[in-house]
Protein backbone atom coordinates (compact mmCIF):
# COMPACT_ATOMS: atom_id res chain seq x y z
CA MET A 1 98.54 87.57 125.19
CA LEU A 2 101.86 89.11 124.17
CA LYS A 3 100.86 92.52 125.46
CA LYS A 4 100.78 91.15 129.01
CA LEU A 5 104.33 89.81 128.88
CA GLY A 6 107.62 91.45 129.71
CA LEU A 7 110.13 91.72 126.89
CA ILE A 8 112.37 88.82 127.97
CA THR A 9 109.30 86.66 128.61
CA LEU A 10 107.94 87.72 125.22
CA VAL A 11 111.16 86.65 123.56
CA ALA A 12 111.13 83.23 125.18
CA ALA A 13 107.42 82.62 124.69
CA ALA A 14 107.35 83.71 121.08
CA GLY A 15 110.46 81.81 120.07
CA ILE A 16 112.21 84.85 118.66
CA ILE A 17 115.50 83.95 117.04
CA LEU A 18 117.47 86.76 118.67
CA ALA A 19 120.25 87.27 121.15
CA GLY A 20 117.76 89.59 122.85
CA CYS A 21 115.15 92.03 121.61
CA ASN A 22 117.31 94.95 122.56
CA GLY A 23 119.09 96.14 119.49
CA LYS A 24 121.66 93.30 119.39
CA LYS A 25 122.22 91.18 116.34
CA ASP A 26 119.99 88.25 115.49
CA THR A 27 121.41 84.87 114.54
CA ASP A 28 122.18 86.09 111.04
CA ALA A 29 125.60 87.70 111.42
CA ASN A 30 124.86 90.00 108.50
CA ALA A 31 121.62 91.39 109.87
CA PRO A 32 121.81 95.06 110.84
CA ALA A 33 122.40 95.59 114.54
CA GLY A 34 120.43 98.12 116.50
CA GLY A 35 123.57 100.17 116.87
CA ALA A 36 124.46 100.16 113.17
CA PRO A 37 124.72 103.67 111.77
CA ALA A 38 122.11 104.97 109.35
CA GLY A 39 123.24 104.21 105.86
CA ALA A 40 125.06 101.03 106.81
CA ALA A 41 125.11 98.43 104.08
CA PRO A 42 121.85 96.47 104.25
CA GLY A 43 122.22 92.80 105.05
CA GLY A 44 120.39 90.05 106.82
CA SER A 45 118.97 87.06 105.02
CA GLY A 46 117.08 85.50 107.91
CA ALA A 47 113.65 86.71 109.05
CA VAL A 48 113.19 87.53 112.71
CA LYS A 49 110.67 84.96 113.92
CA MET A 50 107.98 85.97 116.37
CA ASP A 51 104.43 84.87 117.06
CA LEU A 52 102.21 87.89 116.63
CA SER A 53 98.46 88.23 116.28
CA LYS A 54 97.12 89.05 112.84
CA PRO A 55 96.14 92.71 112.48
CA ALA A 56 92.44 93.10 111.77
CA ALA A 57 91.30 94.02 108.27
CA ARG A 58 88.39 96.47 108.48
CA THR A 59 88.05 97.16 104.77
CA LYS A 60 85.89 95.16 102.38
CA SER A 61 87.91 96.21 99.33
CA LEU A 62 90.66 93.59 99.70
CA ASN A 63 90.50 89.89 98.92
CA GLN A 64 91.71 87.32 101.43
CA ASP A 65 95.03 86.80 99.66
CA ASP A 66 95.88 90.50 99.86
CA ILE A 67 94.80 90.66 103.49
CA ALA A 68 96.96 87.66 104.39
CA LYS A 69 99.90 89.15 102.49
CA ALA A 70 99.55 92.49 104.30
CA GLN A 71 99.27 90.80 107.70
CA LYS A 72 102.41 88.78 107.06
CA LEU A 73 104.32 91.85 105.90
CA ILE A 74 103.20 93.87 108.92
CA ASN A 75 104.18 91.18 111.39
CA GLY A 76 107.52 90.64 109.70
CA GLY A 77 108.22 94.36 109.90
CA MET A 78 107.10 94.50 113.52
CA ALA A 79 109.42 91.65 114.47
CA PHE A 80 112.31 93.41 112.73
CA LEU A 81 111.60 96.66 114.58
CA LEU A 82 111.59 94.86 117.91
CA SER A 83 114.91 93.27 117.03
CA GLN A 84 116.39 96.76 116.71
CA ARG A 85 115.38 97.84 120.21
CA GLN A 86 118.23 99.24 122.30
CA ASP A 87 119.13 98.24 125.85
CA ASN A 88 117.51 101.43 127.17
CA GLY A 89 114.17 100.60 125.57
CA GLY A 90 114.43 103.04 122.68
CA TRP A 91 115.41 103.13 119.02
CA SER A 92 117.74 105.37 117.07
CA PHE A 93 119.50 105.83 113.74
CA GLY A 94 122.46 104.13 115.35
CA ASN A 95 124.64 105.02 118.33
CA GLY A 96 121.79 106.99 119.87
CA ALA A 97 121.39 109.41 116.95
CA LEU A 98 117.98 111.11 116.91
CA GLU A 99 116.82 108.68 119.59
CA PRO A 100 113.64 110.52 120.65
CA ALA A 101 112.38 110.86 117.07
CA MET A 102 113.04 107.26 116.12
CA THR A 103 111.68 105.95 119.42
CA ALA A 104 108.47 107.94 118.92
CA LEU A 105 108.06 106.74 115.33
CA VAL A 106 108.55 103.08 116.26
CA MET A 107 106.21 103.44 119.22
CA ARG A 108 103.56 104.94 116.96
CA THR A 109 104.00 101.97 114.63
CA LEU A 110 103.84 99.36 117.40
CA LEU A 111 100.72 100.89 118.94
CA GLU A 112 98.77 100.24 115.73
CA HIS A 113 99.25 96.50 116.30
CA PRO A 114 96.76 94.46 118.39
CA ASP A 115 99.54 93.01 120.57
CA PHE A 116 100.77 96.37 121.87
CA ASP A 117 98.93 98.86 124.05
CA ARG A 118 99.76 101.37 126.77
CA ASP A 119 100.22 98.61 129.37
CA ASN A 120 102.74 96.63 127.34
CA PRO A 121 106.18 96.75 129.02
CA VAL A 122 107.86 97.61 125.71
CA ILE A 123 105.55 100.59 125.29
CA LYS A 124 105.85 101.74 128.91
CA LYS A 125 109.64 101.65 128.83
CA GLY A 126 109.68 103.43 125.50
CA PHE A 127 107.59 106.27 126.86
CA ASP A 128 109.75 106.45 129.98
CA LEU A 129 112.71 107.07 127.71
CA LEU A 130 110.87 109.45 125.40
CA LEU A 131 109.66 111.65 128.25
CA LYS A 132 113.22 112.15 129.46
CA TYR A 133 113.56 114.40 126.44
CA ARG A 134 110.62 116.60 127.43
CA GLN A 135 111.60 120.27 127.73
CA SER A 136 110.19 123.04 129.91
CA ASP A 137 108.42 124.65 126.91
CA GLY A 138 106.58 121.41 126.06
CA ALA A 139 108.87 120.32 123.22
CA ILE A 140 110.14 116.74 123.20
CA PHE A 141 113.58 116.45 121.59
CA ASN A 142 117.30 116.29 122.23
CA PRO A 143 118.60 119.89 122.48
CA LYS A 144 122.01 118.71 121.28
CA GLU A 145 120.48 117.56 117.99
CA GLY A 146 117.66 120.00 117.29
CA GLN A 147 114.69 119.19 115.04
CA GLN A 148 112.38 120.00 117.92
CA SER A 149 109.25 120.50 115.83
CA TYR A 150 109.46 117.21 113.91
CA THR A 151 110.42 115.21 116.99
CA THR A 152 107.69 116.78 119.12
CA ALA A 153 105.13 116.04 116.41
CA VAL A 154 105.93 112.34 116.13
CA ALA A 155 106.07 112.10 119.93
CA ILE A 156 102.53 113.50 120.11
CA MET A 157 101.41 111.01 117.45
CA ALA A 158 102.76 108.15 119.55
CA MET A 159 101.37 109.43 122.84
CA ALA A 160 97.94 110.15 121.39
CA LYS A 161 97.78 106.62 119.98
CA ALA A 162 98.56 105.17 123.42
CA ASP A 163 95.40 106.76 124.85
CA ASP A 164 97.04 106.92 128.27
CA PRO A 165 95.76 109.54 130.74
CA ARG A 166 99.26 109.71 132.21
CA LEU A 167 100.47 111.26 128.96
CA LYS A 168 97.79 113.97 128.78
CA ASP A 169 99.97 116.80 130.08
CA ALA A 170 102.84 115.88 127.78
CA ILE A 171 100.48 115.84 124.78
CA THR A 172 99.00 119.22 125.71
CA GLY A 173 102.44 120.70 126.20
CA GLY A 174 103.63 119.39 122.84
CA VAL A 175 100.53 120.63 121.02
CA ASN A 176 100.96 124.11 122.49
CA PHE A 177 104.66 124.15 121.65
CA LEU A 178 103.91 123.44 117.99
CA LYS A 179 101.21 126.11 117.96
CA GLY A 180 103.69 128.55 119.45
CA ILE A 181 106.34 128.05 116.77
CA GLN A 182 103.89 128.21 113.87
CA VAL A 183 104.71 131.34 111.86
CA GLN A 184 102.32 134.14 112.82
CA PRO A 185 102.15 137.89 112.20
CA GLY A 186 104.27 139.84 114.68
CA GLN A 187 106.85 137.14 115.21
CA GLU A 188 110.46 137.43 114.14
CA SER A 189 111.17 135.75 110.81
CA ALA A 190 114.14 133.56 109.92
CA ASP A 191 116.11 136.61 108.72
CA GLY A 192 115.36 138.60 111.88
CA THR A 193 112.70 140.88 110.42
CA PRO A 194 109.13 141.08 111.76
CA VAL A 195 106.55 138.77 110.17
CA THR A 196 103.99 140.93 108.40
CA ALA A 197 100.40 139.99 107.58
CA ASP A 198 101.27 139.28 103.95
CA ASP A 199 104.22 136.97 104.69
CA PRO A 200 103.76 133.76 102.63
CA ASN A 201 105.28 131.73 105.50
CA ILE A 202 102.38 132.43 107.87
CA GLY A 203 100.87 129.14 109.01
CA GLY A 204 103.99 127.12 108.33
CA ILE A 205 106.34 125.35 110.71
CA GLY A 206 110.07 124.75 110.23
CA TYR A 207 112.47 122.44 112.02
CA GLY A 208 112.72 124.85 114.96
CA ARG A 209 112.04 128.40 116.04
CA ASN A 210 112.72 130.98 113.32
CA LYS A 211 113.45 128.28 110.77
CA THR A 212 112.05 128.53 107.25
CA PRO A 213 108.80 126.52 107.25
CA ASN A 214 108.19 123.60 104.93
CA LEU A 215 105.43 121.15 104.16
CA SER A 216 107.29 118.06 105.35
CA VAL A 217 107.50 119.32 108.93
CA LEU A 218 104.05 120.89 108.81
CA GLN A 219 102.35 117.68 107.73
CA PHE A 220 103.69 115.89 110.81
CA ALA A 221 102.54 118.77 113.03
CA VAL A 222 99.06 118.70 111.48
CA GLU A 223 98.88 114.95 111.95
CA ALA A 224 99.90 115.38 115.59
CA TRP A 225 97.19 118.00 116.11
CA HIS A 226 94.69 115.75 114.35
CA ASP A 227 95.64 112.76 116.50
CA ALA A 228 95.38 114.94 119.61
CA ASN A 229 91.83 115.92 118.57
CA MET A 230 92.53 119.59 117.94
CA PRO A 231 89.34 121.18 116.52
CA THR A 232 89.57 122.10 112.86
CA ASP A 233 88.33 125.61 113.69
CA ASP A 234 91.36 126.26 115.89
CA GLU A 235 93.30 129.29 114.67
CA ALA A 236 96.41 127.12 114.17
CA MET A 237 94.50 124.88 111.78
CA LYS A 238 93.11 127.89 109.93
CA ARG A 239 96.60 129.33 109.50
CA THR A 240 97.74 125.93 108.29
CA VAL A 241 95.21 125.94 105.46
CA GLY A 242 96.51 129.31 104.30
CA PHE A 243 100.09 128.08 104.17
CA LEU A 244 99.08 124.88 102.40
CA SER A 245 97.24 126.90 99.76
CA ARG A 246 100.42 128.91 99.14
CA LEU A 247 102.35 125.71 98.41
CA GLN A 248 99.92 124.39 95.81
CA ASN A 249 100.45 124.74 92.09
CA ARG A 250 97.00 126.23 91.64
CA SER A 251 96.94 129.83 90.48
CA GLU A 252 93.22 130.22 91.24
CA SER A 253 93.90 129.98 94.99
CA ASN A 254 97.63 130.69 95.27
CA PRO A 255 98.82 134.25 94.61
CA GLN A 256 102.52 133.29 94.73
CA GLN A 257 104.46 133.95 91.54
CA PHE A 258 105.58 130.33 91.16
CA ALA A 259 101.94 129.26 90.96
CA LYS A 260 101.29 131.80 88.20
CA ASP A 261 104.39 130.70 86.30
CA GLY A 262 104.10 126.97 86.93
CA PRO A 263 102.15 124.01 85.58
CA ASN A 264 98.94 124.83 87.52
CA ASP A 265 98.47 121.09 88.04
CA GLY A 266 97.13 121.07 91.61
CA GLY A 267 100.23 119.43 93.11
CA PHE A 268 102.33 120.68 96.01
CA VAL A 269 105.93 121.81 96.50
CA TYR A 270 108.23 121.74 99.54
CA ASP A 271 108.16 125.38 100.64
CA PRO A 272 107.29 128.80 99.15
CA ILE A 273 110.68 129.11 97.45
CA SER A 274 111.73 125.58 96.49
CA SER A 275 110.74 122.14 95.28
CA LYS A 276 112.85 119.05 95.93
CA ALA A 277 111.82 118.01 92.42
CA GLY A 278 113.38 121.16 90.97
CA PRO A 279 111.91 123.64 88.47
CA ALA A 280 108.95 122.82 86.26
CA ALA A 281 109.65 122.52 82.54
CA GLY A 282 107.69 125.59 81.53
CA GLY A 283 108.45 127.73 84.57
CA GLY A 284 107.66 127.79 88.25
CA MET A 285 108.29 124.82 90.50
CA ARG A 286 107.65 121.14 89.90
CA SER A 287 105.02 119.35 92.01
CA TYR A 288 105.90 115.88 93.27
CA GLY A 289 104.40 112.89 95.03
CA THR A 290 105.46 113.07 98.67
CA MET A 291 104.52 116.71 99.07
CA THR A 292 101.31 116.46 97.07
CA TYR A 293 99.99 113.59 99.18
CA ALA A 294 101.21 115.38 102.32
CA GLY A 295 99.40 118.56 101.31
CA PHE A 296 96.27 116.66 100.29
CA LYS A 297 96.18 114.81 103.62
CA SER A 298 96.92 117.93 105.65
CA MET A 299 94.07 119.85 104.04
CA LEU A 300 91.68 117.04 104.93
CA TYR A 301 92.97 116.88 108.52
CA ALA A 302 92.63 120.65 108.80
CA GLY A 303 88.96 120.44 107.92
CA VAL A 304 88.96 121.45 104.25
CA ALA A 305 85.97 119.81 102.58
CA LYS A 306 86.62 116.86 100.27
CA ASP A 307 84.85 118.66 97.42
CA ASP A 308 86.79 121.91 97.91
CA PRO A 309 88.42 122.94 94.60
CA ARG A 310 91.89 122.82 96.19
CA VAL A 311 91.36 119.27 97.44
CA MET A 312 89.89 118.17 94.12
CA ALA A 313 92.81 119.73 92.23
CA ALA A 314 95.23 117.72 94.37
CA TYR A 315 93.11 114.63 93.83
CA ASP A 316 93.28 115.10 90.07
CA TRP A 317 97.07 115.44 90.36
CA ILE A 318 97.14 112.13 92.23
CA ARG A 319 95.09 110.50 89.46
CA ARG A 320 97.24 112.03 86.72
CA TYR A 321 100.58 110.92 88.22
CA TRP A 322 99.45 107.58 89.63
CA ARG A 323 102.30 105.16 90.20
CA LEU A 324 103.87 103.05 92.94
CA ASP A 325 107.25 102.21 91.45
CA SER A 326 108.70 105.63 92.21
CA ASN A 327 108.02 108.97 93.91
CA PRO A 328 105.61 110.49 91.35
CA ASN A 329 106.84 113.28 89.09
CA MET A 330 110.32 113.41 90.56
CA PRO A 331 113.05 113.72 87.88
CA ALA A 332 114.07 110.28 86.60
CA GLU A 333 117.45 110.34 88.34
CA GLN A 334 115.74 111.16 91.66
CA SER A 335 112.68 108.98 91.21
CA LYS A 336 113.44 106.59 94.08
CA GLU A 337 114.26 109.32 96.59
CA GLY A 338 111.73 109.43 99.41
CA LEU A 339 109.96 106.35 98.07
CA TYR A 340 108.97 104.93 101.46
CA TYR A 341 107.96 108.30 102.86
CA TYR A 342 105.77 108.44 99.77
CA TYR A 343 104.19 105.07 100.57
CA MET A 344 103.43 106.28 104.09
CA VAL A 345 101.73 109.55 103.08
CA TYR A 346 100.01 107.85 100.11
CA ALA A 347 98.26 105.38 102.40
CA ARG A 348 97.39 107.87 105.10
CA ALA A 349 96.06 110.41 102.63
CA LEU A 350 93.91 108.00 100.65
CA GLN A 351 92.58 106.37 103.82
CA ALA A 352 91.56 109.84 105.03
CA PHE A 353 89.93 110.64 101.69
CA GLY A 354 87.75 107.57 102.03
CA ARG A 355 87.56 106.18 98.51
CA ASP A 356 88.35 102.50 97.97
CA GLU A 357 89.17 102.94 94.30
CA ILE A 358 90.78 105.77 92.39
CA LYS A 359 89.75 106.39 88.80
CA ASP A 360 92.72 106.60 86.46
CA PHE A 361 93.08 110.07 84.93
CA LYS A 362 94.20 108.93 81.49
CA LYS A 363 92.12 105.74 81.32
CA PRO A 364 88.74 106.46 82.97
CA ASP A 365 87.67 102.84 82.64
CA VAL A 366 90.59 101.78 84.89
CA MET A 367 90.00 101.82 88.64
CA HIS A 368 92.95 101.56 91.01
CA ASN A 369 92.45 99.59 94.20
CA TRP A 370 95.00 101.66 96.10
CA ARG A 371 95.25 99.23 99.00
CA ALA A 372 95.95 96.18 96.86
CA GLU A 373 98.46 98.02 94.70
CA LEU A 374 100.32 99.29 97.78
CA ILE A 375 100.47 95.81 99.31
CA GLY A 376 101.83 94.44 96.04
CA ALA A 377 104.48 97.15 95.78
CA LEU A 378 105.74 96.58 99.32
CA ALA A 379 105.64 92.80 98.93
CA LYS A 380 108.05 93.12 96.00
CA ARG A 381 110.49 95.19 98.04
CA VAL A 382 110.56 93.47 101.45
CA ARG A 383 113.88 91.95 102.50
CA PRO A 384 114.16 88.37 103.78
CA ASN A 385 114.49 89.62 107.38
CA GLY A 386 111.13 91.41 107.21
CA SER A 387 112.54 94.91 106.80
CA TRP A 388 112.69 97.41 103.97
CA VAL A 389 115.46 99.79 102.95
CA ASN A 390 115.85 102.32 100.16
CA GLU A 391 119.02 102.21 98.07
CA ALA A 392 118.35 105.87 97.29
CA SER A 393 119.59 107.00 100.67
CA ARG A 394 118.42 110.63 100.63
CA TRP A 395 116.30 111.74 103.59
CA GLU A 396 117.72 108.96 105.80
CA GLU A 397 116.00 106.18 103.85
CA ALA A 398 119.13 104.05 104.06
CA SER A 399 117.97 103.35 107.63
CA PRO A 400 116.01 100.07 107.65
CA THR A 401 114.43 101.03 110.98
CA LEU A 402 113.02 104.28 109.61
CA VAL A 403 111.94 102.78 106.31
CA THR A 404 110.35 99.75 107.97
CA CYS A 405 108.29 102.11 110.14
CA TYR A 406 107.06 103.89 107.01
CA ALA A 407 106.21 100.59 105.32
CA VAL A 408 104.38 99.08 108.29
CA MET A 409 102.43 102.30 108.87
CA ALA A 410 101.36 102.29 105.22
CA LEU A 411 100.30 98.64 105.32
CA THR A 412 98.37 99.20 108.54
CA ASP A 413 96.44 102.04 106.93
CA ALA A 414 95.72 99.81 103.94
CA LEU A 415 93.82 97.42 106.24
CA LYS A 416 91.69 100.18 107.73
CA LYS A 417 88.23 101.05 106.49
């Protein structure tokens, strides 16, 4: 089995066409090297070849052709990610940039595959590197770069997936760190004033201490808590639900002015004062795909019932703006921004919701097989070397390593029950 082999042995045994699975270039001179900076021009016409087991399909809603297509796409993406591995056993955006975050995200992706577990040498070395970034307060990040909340969250997601008792203390420390930086009454706010009980930021998490909270960071923190088996009745989860409700375009449950002025469509925005999709046409802020799926998923992870009016309002938004060719309801000129992040939260959210088919909002007789449609969308966009990249480079999606993680995570969720 591949999981029993060391990396060099794995390379030789699997017949990988690489100079070494360590972030160096493969035999295609145009393929992106592990040290290429984020945003480098995408290239690479040759697939990285590796013998990998087929990921199991636990759903009955896909036909064999779709399953085979997803398995091939996952394994191609996995091989590409391994080709980007650095000499020190980690991954980065290039030249070591944001190394702990990227290493954690790739590790989380690898650990979903049947050939990688906590005893695999690639995984063990990756965690050895990741834990070098562990801080005395439980955070896991590079102090020279910041983004301690996001990086700690994805590190917890990776460590929890490894199911390794040796990582228990690091997981607990990371969970408590995230709980500690969640906005709570009595803390100091971003502008230096005390947080009062009516502060709309309560329950949110920003990129670091005293940073304005947003849904993108919070959804990773909630997923980390979920993966670490935090009870949904924990006070941190309860505060989370309050913050999520204040980001939803639903005036019945959100007292914020933007919800009263806005479209009241059940979708979500980025933070209490802004939407990356801009203003709504009639007033308020515009809901959009990545944040709506992130909010929908986070409510489910935080224990909000599937038939709760807030969850159902988000579900109706999903049905109303159903599409996989762009980030739903973003302005046309921004429609491809965050596309692969969208695929990742789309799959995770719908897998958590538990419905195999989604009824179209405008055409009730049309049922969307979300798994099959996702597989088809990613199959159209995969590059010959097994990776994906977004030409709309906002939010670091010009990085094929980051984007390939998002794509493989989405495809893996599509094969789950």
